[in-house]
């Protein structure tokens, strides 16, 4: 006797989305309407912009996107985010160094005033 196989239904959970069981088949893909798109952008804190980039740069991001298994636009967003974070760290580090350099001068002035 041949046992009948029971179909297992995928439940709409984060795990099945993350594993790719749901959401990766192009036949089920469709563009979100403007209202839903705006809601998603608002929830994620995203704002659409327009920028002109060299075609070679875009192609490079597309190639890198395949390596990192992500689209080129999210990859660009990540690269810009990393750049800004790095610049802020550099600015903060420079400010700290200036503060440290100014501190000995203040201590010297205080010592001179105490000695006088």
Protein backbone atom coordinates (compact mmCIF):
# COMPACT_ATOMS: atom_id res chain seq x y z
CA UNK A 1 0.00 0.00 0.00
CA UNK A 2 1.34 3.41 -0.96
CA UNK A 3 1.10 5.98 1.79
CA UNK A 4 -0.36 9.29 0.79
CA UNK A 5 1.97 12.22 1.41
CA UNK A 6 0.45 14.96 3.42
CA UNK A 7 1.03 18.45 2.02
CA UNK A 8 2.68 20.78 4.47
CA UNK A 9 1.38 24.29 4.23
CA UNK A 10 3.85 27.14 4.74
CA UNK A 11 2.60 29.49 7.37
CA UNK A 12 3.21 33.17 6.91
CA UNK A 13 5.99 33.49 9.50
CA UNK A 14 9.30 35.32 9.55
CA UNK A 15 11.15 31.99 9.29
CA UNK A 16 9.61 30.99 5.96
CA UNK A 17 10.28 34.46 4.57
CA UNK A 18 13.88 34.45 5.79
CA UNK A 19 14.51 30.93 4.47
CA UNK A 20 13.13 31.93 1.08
CA UNK A 21 10.27 29.42 1.11
CA UNK A 22 8.04 32.44 0.58
CA UNK A 23 8.75 35.59 -1.36
CA UNK A 24 11.47 34.57 -3.82
CA UNK A 25 9.38 33.31 -6.71
CA UNK A 26 9.14 36.01 -9.39
CA UNK A 27 5.67 34.82 -10.48
CA UNK A 28 4.32 36.11 -7.17
CA UNK A 29 6.13 39.46 -7.31
CA UNK A 30 4.22 42.65 -7.94
CA UNK A 31 4.82 46.32 -7.33
CA UNK A 32 3.30 47.82 -4.22
CA UNK A 33 0.73 50.54 -4.81
CA UNK A 34 1.77 54.11 -3.98
CA UNK A 35 -0.04 54.18 -0.64
CA UNK A 36 1.57 50.93 0.53
CA UNK A 37 4.94 52.06 -0.82
CA UNK A 38 4.66 55.30 1.16
CA UNK A 39 3.74 53.38 4.30
CA UNK A 40 6.75 51.12 3.88
CA UNK A 41 9.09 54.07 3.26
CA UNK A 42 7.72 55.88 6.31
CA UNK A 43 8.06 52.81 8.51
CA UNK A 44 11.67 52.30 7.39
CA UNK A 45 12.53 56.01 7.44
CA UNK A 46 13.32 56.01 3.71
CA UNK A 47 13.04 58.87 1.25
CA UNK A 48 13.28 58.47 -2.50
CA UNK A 49 15.90 60.62 -4.20
CA UNK A 50 17.16 61.02 -7.73
CA UNK A 51 20.88 60.87 -8.43
CA UNK A 52 22.93 60.59 -11.59
CA UNK A 53 25.80 58.11 -11.43
CA UNK A 54 28.30 56.81 -13.95
CA UNK A 55 27.08 53.67 -15.69
CA UNK A 56 30.31 51.87 -14.80
CA UNK A 57 29.74 52.60 -11.11
CA UNK A 58 26.21 51.20 -11.26
CA UNK A 59 27.44 48.08 -13.06
CA UNK A 60 30.14 47.64 -10.40
CA UNK A 61 27.50 47.83 -7.67
CA UNK A 62 25.38 45.28 -9.53
CA UNK A 63 28.35 42.90 -9.69
CA UNK A 64 29.06 43.41 -5.99
CA UNK A 65 25.37 42.95 -5.26
CA UNK A 66 25.49 39.45 -6.73
CA UNK A 67 28.48 38.64 -4.53
CA UNK A 68 26.70 39.86 -1.39
CA UNK A 69 23.32 38.46 -2.51
CA UNK A 70 21.54 41.81 -2.47
CA UNK A 71 20.31 44.37 -4.96
CA UNK A 72 22.58 47.18 -6.03
CA UNK A 73 20.42 49.92 -4.51
CA UNK A 74 20.40 48.44 -0.98
CA UNK A 75 24.14 47.91 -1.40
CA UNK A 76 24.60 51.57 -2.34
CA UNK A 77 22.50 52.57 0.66
CA UNK A 78 24.70 50.44 2.91
CA UNK A 79 27.89 51.89 1.41
CA UNK A 80 26.64 55.47 1.92
CA UNK A 81 25.61 54.64 5.47
CA UNK A 82 29.05 53.20 6.25
CA UNK A 83 30.74 56.24 4.73
CA UNK A 84 28.72 58.66 6.85
CA UNK A 85 29.28 56.62 10.03
CA UNK A 86 33.02 56.56 9.29
CA UNK A 87 33.13 60.30 8.71
CA UNK A 88 31.25 60.99 11.95
CA UNK A 89 33.71 58.77 13.84
CA UNK A 90 36.62 60.62 12.23
CA UNK A 91 35.13 64.01 13.16
CA UNK A 92 34.49 62.84 16.73
CA UNK A 93 38.03 61.47 16.98
CA UNK A 94 39.51 64.75 15.72
CA UNK A 95 37.40 66.72 18.20
CA UNK A 96 38.57 64.46 21.03
CA UNK A 97 42.20 64.90 20.00
CA UNK A 98 41.76 68.70 19.96
CA UNK A 99 40.16 68.52 23.40
CA UNK A 100 43.04 66.41 24.73
CA UNK A 101 45.59 68.78 23.21
CA UNK A 102 43.86 71.81 24.80
CA UNK A 103 43.66 70.18 28.26
CA UNK A 104 47.41 70.37 29.08
CA UNK A 105 47.37 74.07 28.19
CA UNK A 106 44.52 74.66 30.65
CA UNK A 107 46.34 72.67 33.36
CA UNK A 108 49.49 74.71 32.76
CA UNK A 109 47.53 77.97 33.09
CA UNK A 110 45.95 76.73 36.35
CA UNK A 111 49.39 75.81 37.75
CA UNK A 112 50.79 79.22 36.86
CA UNK A 113 47.86 80.95 38.57
CA UNK A 114 48.31 78.78 41.70
CA UNK A 115 52.05 79.53 41.78
CA UNK A 116 51.42 83.27 41.53
